Amino acid sequence: GAATGHAAEAERVARDLERRLAAVRSKTAHLKKPKTLLVMGRETLTLRNLNASGGVGFLHEVLEIAGGTNVFADVRREAVSVSNEMLLSRAPEAVIDLHYGASEPADRSRAQQELAIWQAVASVPAVRLKRVIPLYGDQFVVPGPRIAQAAEEMARALHPEAFK
């Protein structure tokens, strides 16, 4: 903001972001924090080339604010290439499957197919418990002013009971 001559406006936006993130953290603080796999990308209609959030970076931080425990928190990288064996051994209780671009799926049947591919690992607790949650939108791509929106959406997905 200072560099562009909008310091006061930038400060106001930063305070609002901090307030919104604190509100999300407060809503989920007392709740059980499910072991969560945060999928940042994978090959379309498969679980091949699955990349997940590691234990550093803004998506890892957003997941913690939203009330989840990253199953790869111990991996000191932003991204982890996940094999089916790793997926089975980490046993996530929830999966947040991020899809960048549109704010909702363009094709509902395609969205159902994307969800159905998780049955390939039906023994994973999140799949068994039907806690594979697709989230759509570019707010998950870049750490910027929409990061509070991303945290709110993740929190609602993991803890819908806190937002009733």
N, C-alpha and C. Protein backbone atom coordinates (compact mmCIF):
# COMPACT_ATOMS: atom_id res chain seq x y z
N GLY A 1 0.80 -1.18 0.00
CA GLY A 1 0.00 0.00 0.00
C GLY A 1 0.85 1.26 0.00
N ALA A 2 1.91 1.26 0.79
CA ALA A 2 2.78 2.43 0.86
C ALA A 2 3.44 2.69 -0.49
N ALA A 3 3.83 1.63 -1.18
CA ALA A 3 4.51 1.77 -2.47
C ALA A 3 3.60 2.35 -3.54
N THR A 4 2.31 2.16 -3.40
CA THR A 4 1.38 2.66 -4.42
C THR A 4 0.61 3.89 -3.97
N GLY A 5 0.93 4.40 -2.78
CA GLY A 5 0.24 5.58 -2.28
C GLY A 5 -1.11 5.28 -1.66
N HIS A 6 -1.32 4.04 -1.23
CA HIS A 6 -2.59 3.63 -0.63
C HIS A 6 -2.37 2.97 0.73
N ALA A 7 -1.49 3.55 1.52
CA ALA A 7 -1.11 2.95 2.80
C ALA A 7 -2.30 2.78 3.74
N ALA A 8 -3.14 3.77 3.85
CA ALA A 8 -4.28 3.68 4.77
C ALA A 8 -5.25 2.59 4.33
N GLU A 9 -5.53 2.52 3.04
CA GLU A 9 -6.43 1.49 2.53
C GLU A 9 -5.83 0.10 2.73
N ALA A 10 -4.55 -0.05 2.48
CA ALA A 10 -3.87 -1.34 2.68
C ALA A 10 -3.91 -1.75 4.15
N GLU A 11 -3.71 -0.81 5.03
CA GLU A 11 -3.77 -1.10 6.47
C GLU A 11 -5.16 -1.56 6.87
N ARG A 12 -6.18 -0.92 6.33
CA ARG A 12 -7.56 -1.30 6.62
C ARG A 12 -7.85 -2.73 6.12
N VAL A 13 -7.39 -3.05 4.92
CA VAL A 13 -7.58 -4.40 4.36
C VAL A 13 -6.84 -5.43 5.22
N ALA A 14 -5.63 -5.12 5.63
CA ALA A 14 -4.84 -6.05 6.46
C ALA A 14 -5.53 -6.29 7.81
N ARG A 15 -6.05 -5.24 8.44
CA ARG A 15 -6.76 -5.41 9.71
C ARG A 15 -8.01 -6.27 9.53
N ASP A 16 -8.73 -6.06 8.43
CA ASP A 16 -9.94 -6.85 8.15
C ASP A 16 -9.57 -8.32 7.95
N LEU A 17 -8.49 -8.59 7.21
CA LEU A 17 -8.04 -9.97 7.02
C LEU A 17 -7.70 -10.62 8.36
N GLU A 18 -6.95 -9.91 9.18
CA GLU A 18 -6.58 -10.45 10.49
C GLU A 18 -7.82 -10.74 11.35
N ARG A 19 -8.79 -9.84 11.30
CA ARG A 19 -10.03 -10.02 12.07
C ARG A 19 -10.79 -11.25 11.58
N ARG A 20 -10.91 -11.39 10.26
CA ARG A 20 -11.65 -12.53 9.70
C ARG A 20 -10.94 -13.85 9.99
N LEU A 21 -9.62 -13.88 9.89
CA LEU A 21 -8.88 -15.11 10.19
C LEU A 21 -9.00 -15.45 11.67
N ALA A 22 -8.96 -14.46 12.53
CA ALA A 22 -9.12 -14.71 13.97
C ALA A 22 -10.52 -15.24 14.27
N ALA A 23 -11.53 -14.75 13.55
CA ALA A 23 -12.90 -15.23 13.76
C ALA A 23 -13.02 -16.70 13.37
N VAL A 24 -12.39 -17.09 12.27
CA VAL A 24 -12.42 -18.49 11.85
C VAL A 24 -11.70 -19.35 12.90
N ARG A 25 -10.54 -18.91 13.32
CA ARG A 25 -9.77 -19.66 14.33
C ARG A 25 -10.58 -19.82 15.61
N SER A 26 -11.28 -18.78 16.00
CA SER A 26 -12.09 -18.81 17.22
C SER A 26 -13.25 -19.81 17.09
N LYS A 27 -13.90 -19.84 15.93
CA LYS A 27 -15.04 -20.75 15.73
C LYS A 27 -14.63 -22.22 15.79
N THR A 28 -13.40 -22.52 15.41
CA THR A 28 -12.97 -23.92 15.34
C THR A 28 -12.04 -24.33 16.48
N ALA A 29 -11.64 -23.39 17.31
CA ALA A 29 -10.63 -23.66 18.35
C ALA A 29 -11.02 -24.79 19.30
N HIS A 30 -12.27 -24.88 19.66
CA HIS A 30 -12.72 -25.86 20.66
C HIS A 30 -13.13 -27.19 20.03
N LEU A 31 -13.06 -27.30 18.71
CA LEU A 31 -13.52 -28.51 18.03
C LEU A 31 -12.38 -29.49 17.78
N LYS A 32 -12.74 -30.77 17.59
CA LYS A 32 -11.75 -31.78 17.23
C LYS A 32 -11.15 -31.41 15.88
N LYS A 33 -9.87 -31.53 15.76
CA LYS A 33 -9.16 -31.15 14.54
C LYS A 33 -8.88 -32.40 13.72
N PRO A 34 -9.72 -32.69 12.71
CA PRO A 34 -9.53 -33.92 11.95
C PRO A 34 -8.21 -33.93 11.19
N LYS A 35 -7.59 -35.12 11.13
CA LYS A 35 -6.39 -35.31 10.31
C LYS A 35 -6.84 -35.14 8.86
N THR A 36 -6.28 -34.13 8.20
CA THR A 36 -6.79 -33.72 6.89
C THR A 36 -5.70 -33.78 5.83
N LEU A 37 -6.06 -34.36 4.68
CA LEU A 37 -5.23 -34.32 3.49
C LEU A 37 -5.72 -33.15 2.65
N LEU A 38 -4.86 -32.19 2.40
CA LEU A 38 -5.21 -31.02 1.60
C LEU A 38 -4.60 -31.20 0.22
N VAL A 39 -5.44 -31.61 -0.74
CA VAL A 39 -4.99 -31.90 -2.10
C VAL A 39 -4.91 -30.61 -2.90
N MET A 40 -3.71 -30.33 -3.41
CA MET A 40 -3.48 -29.12 -4.20
C MET A 40 -3.57 -29.39 -5.69
N GLY A 41 -3.56 -30.64 -6.07
CA GLY A 41 -3.66 -30.98 -7.48
C GLY A 41 -3.50 -32.48 -7.68
N ARG A 42 -4.08 -32.95 -8.76
CA ARG A 42 -3.95 -34.35 -9.16
C ARG A 42 -4.39 -34.46 -10.60
N GLU A 43 -4.05 -35.58 -11.22
CA GLU A 43 -4.45 -35.81 -12.59
C GLU A 43 -5.97 -35.97 -12.66
N THR A 44 -6.59 -35.36 -13.64
CA THR A 44 -8.04 -35.38 -13.78
C THR A 44 -8.57 -36.81 -13.82
N LEU A 45 -9.61 -37.04 -13.05
CA LEU A 45 -10.33 -38.32 -12.97
C LEU A 45 -9.46 -39.49 -12.53
N THR A 46 -8.37 -39.20 -11.82
CA THR A 46 -7.53 -40.25 -11.23
C THR A 46 -6.94 -39.72 -9.93
N LEU A 47 -6.28 -40.60 -9.22
CA LEU A 47 -5.50 -40.19 -8.04
C LEU A 47 -4.01 -40.17 -8.37
N ARG A 48 -3.67 -40.24 -9.65
CA ARG A 48 -2.26 -40.16 -10.06
C ARG A 48 -1.76 -38.73 -9.94
N ASN A 49 -0.45 -38.63 -9.72
CA ASN A 49 0.21 -37.32 -9.60
C ASN A 49 -0.47 -36.43 -8.57
N LEU A 50 -0.85 -37.05 -7.47
CA LEU A 50 -1.52 -36.33 -6.40
C LEU A 50 -0.49 -35.52 -5.61
N ASN A 51 -0.73 -34.23 -5.51
CA ASN A 51 0.12 -33.34 -4.72
C ASN A 51 -0.70 -32.76 -3.58
N ALA A 52 -0.12 -32.77 -2.40
CA ALA A 52 -0.81 -32.29 -1.20
C ALA A 52 0.06 -31.26 -0.49
N SER A 53 -0.58 -30.52 0.36
CA SER A 53 0.12 -29.52 1.17
C SER A 53 1.02 -30.22 2.17
N GLY A 54 2.27 -29.76 2.21
CA GLY A 54 3.19 -30.22 3.25
C GLY A 54 3.05 -29.32 4.47
N GLY A 55 4.03 -29.39 5.37
CA GLY A 55 3.94 -28.70 6.65
C GLY A 55 4.41 -27.27 6.68
N VAL A 56 4.64 -26.66 5.52
CA VAL A 56 4.99 -25.24 5.45
C VAL A 56 4.18 -24.60 4.33
N GLY A 57 4.03 -23.30 4.41
CA GLY A 57 3.34 -22.58 3.34
C GLY A 57 1.97 -22.08 3.78
N PHE A 58 1.42 -21.22 2.95
CA PHE A 58 0.17 -20.56 3.32
C PHE A 58 -1.00 -21.51 3.37
N LEU A 59 -1.06 -22.52 2.49
CA LEU A 59 -2.20 -23.45 2.54
C LEU A 59 -2.18 -24.28 3.82
N HIS A 60 -1.00 -24.68 4.24
CA HIS A 60 -0.87 -25.40 5.52
C HIS A 60 -1.39 -24.52 6.66
N GLU A 61 -1.01 -23.26 6.66
CA GLU A 61 -1.46 -22.33 7.71
C GLU A 61 -2.97 -22.12 7.66
N VAL A 62 -3.52 -21.99 6.46
CA VAL A 62 -4.96 -21.80 6.31
C VAL A 62 -5.70 -23.01 6.84
N LEU A 63 -5.20 -24.21 6.54
CA LEU A 63 -5.84 -25.44 7.04
C LEU A 63 -5.85 -25.46 8.56
N GLU A 64 -4.77 -25.07 9.19
CA GLU A 64 -4.73 -25.04 10.66
C GLU A 64 -5.71 -24.01 11.22
N ILE A 65 -5.78 -22.83 10.60
CA ILE A 65 -6.73 -21.81 11.03
C ILE A 65 -8.16 -22.34 10.91
N ALA A 66 -8.41 -23.12 9.84
CA ALA A 66 -9.74 -23.66 9.58
C ALA A 66 -10.12 -24.82 10.50
N GLY A 67 -9.19 -25.26 11.33
CA GLY A 67 -9.51 -26.32 12.29
C GLY A 67 -9.18 -27.72 11.84
N GLY A 68 -8.23 -27.84 10.93
CA GLY A 68 -7.76 -29.16 10.51
C GLY A 68 -6.32 -29.38 10.94
N THR A 69 -5.93 -30.65 11.00
CA THR A 69 -4.55 -31.02 11.26
C THR A 69 -4.00 -31.64 9.98
N ASN A 70 -3.00 -31.04 9.41
CA ASN A 70 -2.42 -31.50 8.16
C ASN A 70 -1.73 -32.85 8.37
N VAL A 71 -2.13 -33.88 7.59
CA VAL A 71 -1.51 -35.20 7.74
C VAL A 71 -0.04 -35.18 7.34
N PHE A 72 0.38 -34.15 6.61
CA PHE A 72 1.79 -34.02 6.23
C PHE A 72 2.46 -32.84 6.94
N ALA A 73 1.99 -32.50 8.11
CA ALA A 73 2.57 -31.38 8.87
C ALA A 73 4.04 -31.61 9.18
N ASP A 74 4.45 -32.87 9.29
CA ASP A 74 5.84 -33.19 9.61
C ASP A 74 6.78 -33.09 8.42
N VAL A 75 6.26 -32.91 7.23
CA VAL A 75 7.08 -32.80 6.02
C VAL A 75 7.36 -31.33 5.78
N ARG A 76 8.60 -30.93 5.91
CA ARG A 76 9.00 -29.53 5.86
C ARG A 76 9.14 -29.03 4.42
N ARG A 77 8.07 -29.19 3.65
CA ARG A 77 8.00 -28.69 2.28
C ARG A 77 6.59 -28.16 2.05
N GLU A 78 6.45 -27.32 1.03
CA GLU A 78 5.12 -26.80 0.72
C GLU A 78 4.24 -27.85 0.06
N ALA A 79 4.85 -28.72 -0.75
CA ALA A 79 4.08 -29.72 -1.48
C ALA A 79 4.71 -31.09 -1.32
N VAL A 80 3.84 -32.10 -1.28
CA VAL A 80 4.27 -33.49 -1.15
C VAL A 80 3.63 -34.28 -2.29
N SER A 81 4.44 -35.06 -3.01
CA SER A 81 3.90 -35.99 -4.01
C SER A 81 3.44 -37.22 -3.24
N VAL A 82 2.15 -37.53 -3.35
CA VAL A 82 1.55 -38.55 -2.50
C VAL A 82 1.27 -39.82 -3.29
N SER A 83 1.82 -40.93 -2.81
CA SER A 83 1.52 -42.24 -3.39
C SER A 83 0.30 -42.81 -2.66
N ASN A 84 -0.31 -43.83 -3.25
CA ASN A 84 -1.44 -44.48 -2.58
C ASN A 84 -1.00 -45.08 -1.25
N GLU A 85 0.22 -45.58 -1.19
CA GLU A 85 0.73 -46.16 0.06
C GLU A 85 0.83 -45.09 1.15
N MET A 86 1.32 -43.90 0.78
CA MET A 86 1.39 -42.79 1.75
C MET A 86 -0.01 -42.39 2.19
N LEU A 87 -0.93 -42.35 1.26
CA LEU A 87 -2.31 -41.99 1.56
C LEU A 87 -2.91 -42.97 2.55
N LEU A 88 -2.68 -44.25 2.33
CA LEU A 88 -3.20 -45.28 3.24
C LEU A 88 -2.54 -45.19 4.61
N SER A 89 -1.24 -44.98 4.64
CA SER A 89 -0.54 -44.97 5.93
C SER A 89 -0.84 -43.72 6.76
N ARG A 90 -1.09 -42.59 6.10
CA ARG A 90 -1.41 -41.35 6.84
C ARG A 90 -2.86 -41.33 7.31
N ALA A 91 -3.71 -42.13 6.69
CA ALA A 91 -5.11 -42.32 7.11
C ALA A 91 -5.85 -41.03 7.45
N PRO A 92 -5.99 -40.12 6.48
CA PRO A 92 -6.71 -38.88 6.77
C PRO A 92 -8.17 -39.14 7.12
N GLU A 93 -8.68 -38.34 8.05
CA GLU A 93 -10.09 -38.41 8.44
C GLU A 93 -10.95 -37.51 7.56
N ALA A 94 -10.30 -36.59 6.85
CA ALA A 94 -10.97 -35.70 5.91
C ALA A 94 -10.01 -35.43 4.77
N VAL A 95 -10.57 -35.22 3.59
CA VAL A 95 -9.79 -34.81 2.42
C VAL A 95 -10.44 -33.55 1.88
N ILE A 96 -9.65 -32.51 1.73
CA ILE A 96 -10.11 -31.31 1.02
C ILE A 96 -9.40 -31.34 -0.32
N ASP A 97 -10.20 -31.47 -1.37
CA ASP A 97 -9.70 -31.61 -2.73
C ASP A 97 -9.92 -30.30 -3.47
N LEU A 98 -8.86 -29.51 -3.61
CA LEU A 98 -8.98 -28.19 -4.21
C LEU A 98 -9.03 -28.26 -5.74
N HIS A 99 -9.92 -27.46 -6.31
CA HIS A 99 -10.05 -27.34 -7.75
C HIS A 99 -10.02 -25.85 -8.08
N TYR A 100 -8.98 -25.44 -8.78
CA TYR A 100 -8.80 -24.03 -9.09
C TYR A 100 -9.59 -23.64 -10.32
N GLY A 101 -9.87 -22.38 -10.44
CA GLY A 101 -10.60 -21.89 -11.60
C GLY A 101 -11.98 -21.44 -11.18
N ALA A 102 -13.00 -22.07 -11.74
CA ALA A 102 -14.38 -21.67 -11.49
C ALA A 102 -14.73 -21.82 -10.01
N SER A 103 -15.71 -21.04 -9.57
CA SER A 103 -16.13 -21.09 -8.17
C SER A 103 -17.04 -22.28 -7.89
N GLU A 104 -17.43 -22.99 -8.93
CA GLU A 104 -18.20 -24.23 -8.77
C GLU A 104 -17.96 -25.08 -10.01
N PRO A 105 -18.22 -26.38 -9.92
CA PRO A 105 -17.96 -27.22 -11.08
C PRO A 105 -18.89 -26.86 -12.24
N ALA A 106 -18.33 -26.83 -13.45
CA ALA A 106 -19.13 -26.50 -14.62
C ALA A 106 -20.07 -27.64 -14.99
N ASP A 107 -19.66 -28.85 -14.66
CA ASP A 107 -20.41 -30.04 -15.04
C ASP A 107 -20.62 -30.91 -13.80
N ARG A 108 -21.85 -30.99 -13.33
CA ARG A 108 -22.15 -31.75 -12.10
C ARG A 108 -21.79 -33.23 -12.23
N SER A 109 -22.03 -33.83 -13.40
CA SER A 109 -21.70 -35.25 -13.55
C SER A 109 -20.19 -35.45 -13.49
N ARG A 110 -19.43 -34.50 -14.03
CA ARG A 110 -17.97 -34.58 -13.95
C ARG A 110 -17.52 -34.45 -12.50
N ALA A 111 -18.16 -33.57 -11.74
CA ALA A 111 -17.83 -33.40 -10.32
C ALA A 111 -18.10 -34.70 -9.57
N GLN A 112 -19.19 -35.39 -9.90
CA GLN A 112 -19.50 -36.68 -9.26
C GLN A 112 -18.46 -37.73 -9.63
N GLN A 113 -17.99 -37.72 -10.88
CA GLN A 113 -16.95 -38.65 -11.30
C GLN A 113 -15.65 -38.38 -10.54
N GLU A 114 -15.32 -37.10 -10.39
CA GLU A 114 -14.10 -36.74 -9.64
C GLU A 114 -14.19 -37.23 -8.20
N LEU A 115 -15.35 -37.14 -7.61
CA LEU A 115 -15.56 -37.61 -6.25
C LEU A 115 -15.49 -39.14 -6.19
N ALA A 116 -16.05 -39.79 -7.17
CA ALA A 116 -16.10 -41.26 -7.20
C ALA A 116 -14.72 -41.89 -7.31
N ILE A 117 -13.75 -41.20 -7.91
CA ILE A 117 -12.42 -41.82 -8.07
C ILE A 117 -11.77 -42.11 -6.72
N TRP A 118 -12.21 -41.42 -5.68
CA TRP A 118 -11.66 -41.67 -4.34
C TRP A 118 -12.01 -43.06 -3.83
N GLN A 119 -12.99 -43.72 -4.43
CA GLN A 119 -13.35 -45.08 -4.01
C GLN A 119 -12.21 -46.06 -4.26
N ALA A 120 -11.24 -45.68 -5.07
CA ALA A 120 -10.07 -46.52 -5.30
C ALA A 120 -9.28 -46.74 -4.00
N VAL A 121 -9.48 -45.86 -3.04
CA VAL A 121 -8.82 -45.98 -1.73
C VAL A 121 -9.90 -45.99 -0.64
N ALA A 122 -10.86 -46.88 -0.82
CA ALA A 122 -12.04 -46.93 0.06
C ALA A 122 -11.70 -47.21 1.52
N SER A 123 -10.53 -47.77 1.80
CA SER A 123 -10.18 -48.05 3.19
C SER A 123 -9.65 -46.82 3.93
N VAL A 124 -9.39 -45.72 3.22
CA VAL A 124 -8.97 -44.48 3.86
C VAL A 124 -10.16 -43.94 4.67
N PRO A 125 -9.96 -43.62 5.94
CA PRO A 125 -11.08 -43.17 6.77
C PRO A 125 -11.92 -42.06 6.14
N ALA A 126 -11.30 -41.05 5.53
CA ALA A 126 -12.06 -39.95 4.93
C ALA A 126 -13.01 -40.44 3.84
N VAL A 127 -12.57 -41.42 3.08
CA VAL A 127 -13.41 -41.97 2.01
C VAL A 127 -14.53 -42.79 2.61
N ARG A 128 -14.18 -43.63 3.56
CA ARG A 128 -15.17 -44.48 4.23
C ARG A 128 -16.25 -43.65 4.92
N LEU A 129 -15.84 -42.52 5.51
CA LEU A 129 -16.76 -41.64 6.25
C LEU A 129 -17.44 -40.60 5.37
N LYS A 130 -17.16 -40.67 4.06
CA LYS A 130 -17.72 -39.70 3.10
C LYS A 130 -17.34 -38.26 3.47
N ARG A 131 -16.05 -38.09 3.78
CA ARG A 131 -15.52 -36.77 4.14
C ARG A 131 -14.48 -36.31 3.12
N VAL A 132 -14.71 -36.64 1.85
CA VAL A 132 -13.91 -36.09 0.76
C VAL A 132 -14.68 -34.88 0.26
N ILE A 133 -14.07 -33.70 0.41
CA ILE A 133 -14.78 -32.44 0.19
C ILE A 133 -14.10 -31.65 -0.93
N PRO A 134 -14.75 -31.55 -2.08
CA PRO A 134 -14.17 -30.71 -3.13
C PRO A 134 -14.47 -29.23 -2.85
N LEU A 135 -13.47 -28.40 -3.01
CA LEU A 135 -13.65 -26.95 -2.90
C LEU A 135 -13.14 -26.32 -4.19
N TYR A 136 -13.87 -25.34 -4.68
CA TYR A 136 -13.59 -24.73 -5.97
C TYR A 136 -13.28 -23.26 -5.83
N GLY A 137 -12.31 -22.77 -6.63
CA GLY A 137 -12.07 -21.34 -6.70
C GLY A 137 -10.60 -20.97 -6.64
N ASP A 138 -10.31 -19.80 -7.17
CA ASP A 138 -8.94 -19.29 -7.20
C ASP A 138 -8.47 -18.71 -5.88
N GLN A 139 -9.36 -18.54 -4.92
CA GLN A 139 -8.96 -18.00 -3.62
C GLN A 139 -7.96 -18.91 -2.91
N PHE A 140 -7.83 -20.16 -3.37
CA PHE A 140 -6.89 -21.11 -2.76
C PHE A 140 -5.52 -21.07 -3.44
N VAL A 141 -5.38 -20.30 -4.51
CA VAL A 141 -4.16 -20.33 -5.30
C VAL A 141 -3.09 -19.37 -4.80
N VAL A 142 -3.49 -18.15 -4.50
CA VAL A 142 -2.53 -17.09 -4.20
C VAL A 142 -2.82 -16.51 -2.82
N PRO A 143 -1.77 -16.39 -1.99
CA PRO A 143 -1.99 -15.77 -0.68
C PRO A 143 -2.18 -14.27 -0.85
N GLY A 144 -3.40 -13.83 -0.75
CA GLY A 144 -3.72 -12.42 -0.93
C GLY A 144 -4.98 -12.09 -0.15
N PRO A 145 -5.67 -11.03 -0.54
CA PRO A 145 -6.85 -10.59 0.21
C PRO A 145 -7.97 -11.62 0.34
N ARG A 146 -8.03 -12.60 -0.58
CA ARG A 146 -9.09 -13.60 -0.49
C ARG A 146 -8.72 -14.79 0.40
N ILE A 147 -7.60 -14.72 1.07
CA ILE A 147 -7.17 -15.84 1.91
C ILE A 147 -8.13 -16.06 3.08
N ALA A 148 -8.75 -15.01 3.57
CA ALA A 148 -9.75 -15.18 4.63
C ALA A 148 -10.95 -15.95 4.11
N GLN A 149 -11.36 -15.68 2.89
CA GLN A 149 -12.45 -16.43 2.26
C GLN A 149 -12.08 -17.90 2.16
N ALA A 150 -10.85 -18.19 1.77
CA ALA A 150 -10.38 -19.58 1.67
C ALA A 150 -10.44 -20.26 3.04
N ALA A 151 -10.00 -19.57 4.08
CA ALA A 151 -10.04 -20.14 5.44
C ALA A 151 -11.47 -20.41 5.88
N GLU A 152 -12.36 -19.48 5.59
CA GLU A 152 -13.77 -19.66 5.96
C GLU A 152 -14.38 -20.86 5.24
N GLU A 153 -14.08 -21.00 3.94
CA GLU A 153 -14.62 -22.13 3.19
C GLU A 153 -14.08 -23.47 3.71
N MET A 154 -12.79 -23.52 4.02
CA MET A 154 -12.22 -24.75 4.57
C MET A 154 -12.84 -25.07 5.92
N ALA A 155 -13.00 -24.06 6.76
CA ALA A 155 -13.60 -24.27 8.09
C ALA A 155 -15.04 -24.78 7.97
N ARG A 156 -15.81 -24.19 7.08
CA ARG A 156 -17.20 -24.65 6.87
C ARG A 156 -17.23 -26.09 6.37
N ALA A 157 -16.26 -26.46 5.54
CA ALA A 157 -16.20 -27.82 5.01
C ALA A 157 -15.84 -28.82 6.12
N LEU A 158 -14.89 -28.45 6.96
CA LEU A 158 -14.45 -29.36 8.03
C LEU A 158 -15.37 -29.35 9.23
N HIS A 159 -15.98 -28.21 9.53
CA HIS A 159 -16.78 -28.04 10.74
C HIS A 159 -18.10 -27.33 10.44
N PRO A 160 -18.96 -27.93 9.62
CA PRO A 160 -20.23 -27.25 9.30
C PRO A 160 -21.05 -26.91 10.53
N GLU A 161 -20.91 -27.71 11.58
CA GLU A 161 -21.68 -27.49 12.82
C GLU A 161 -21.33 -26.16 13.48
N ALA A 162 -20.15 -25.64 13.24
CA ALA A 162 -19.72 -24.38 13.87
C ALA A 162 -20.31 -23.16 13.18
N PHE A 163 -20.94 -23.37 12.03
CA PHE A 163 -21.43 -22.25 11.24
C PHE A 163 -22.94 -22.24 11.08
N LYS A 164 -23.64 -22.97 11.94
CA LYS A 164 -25.11 -23.01 11.87
C LYS A 164 -25.72 -21.86 12.61
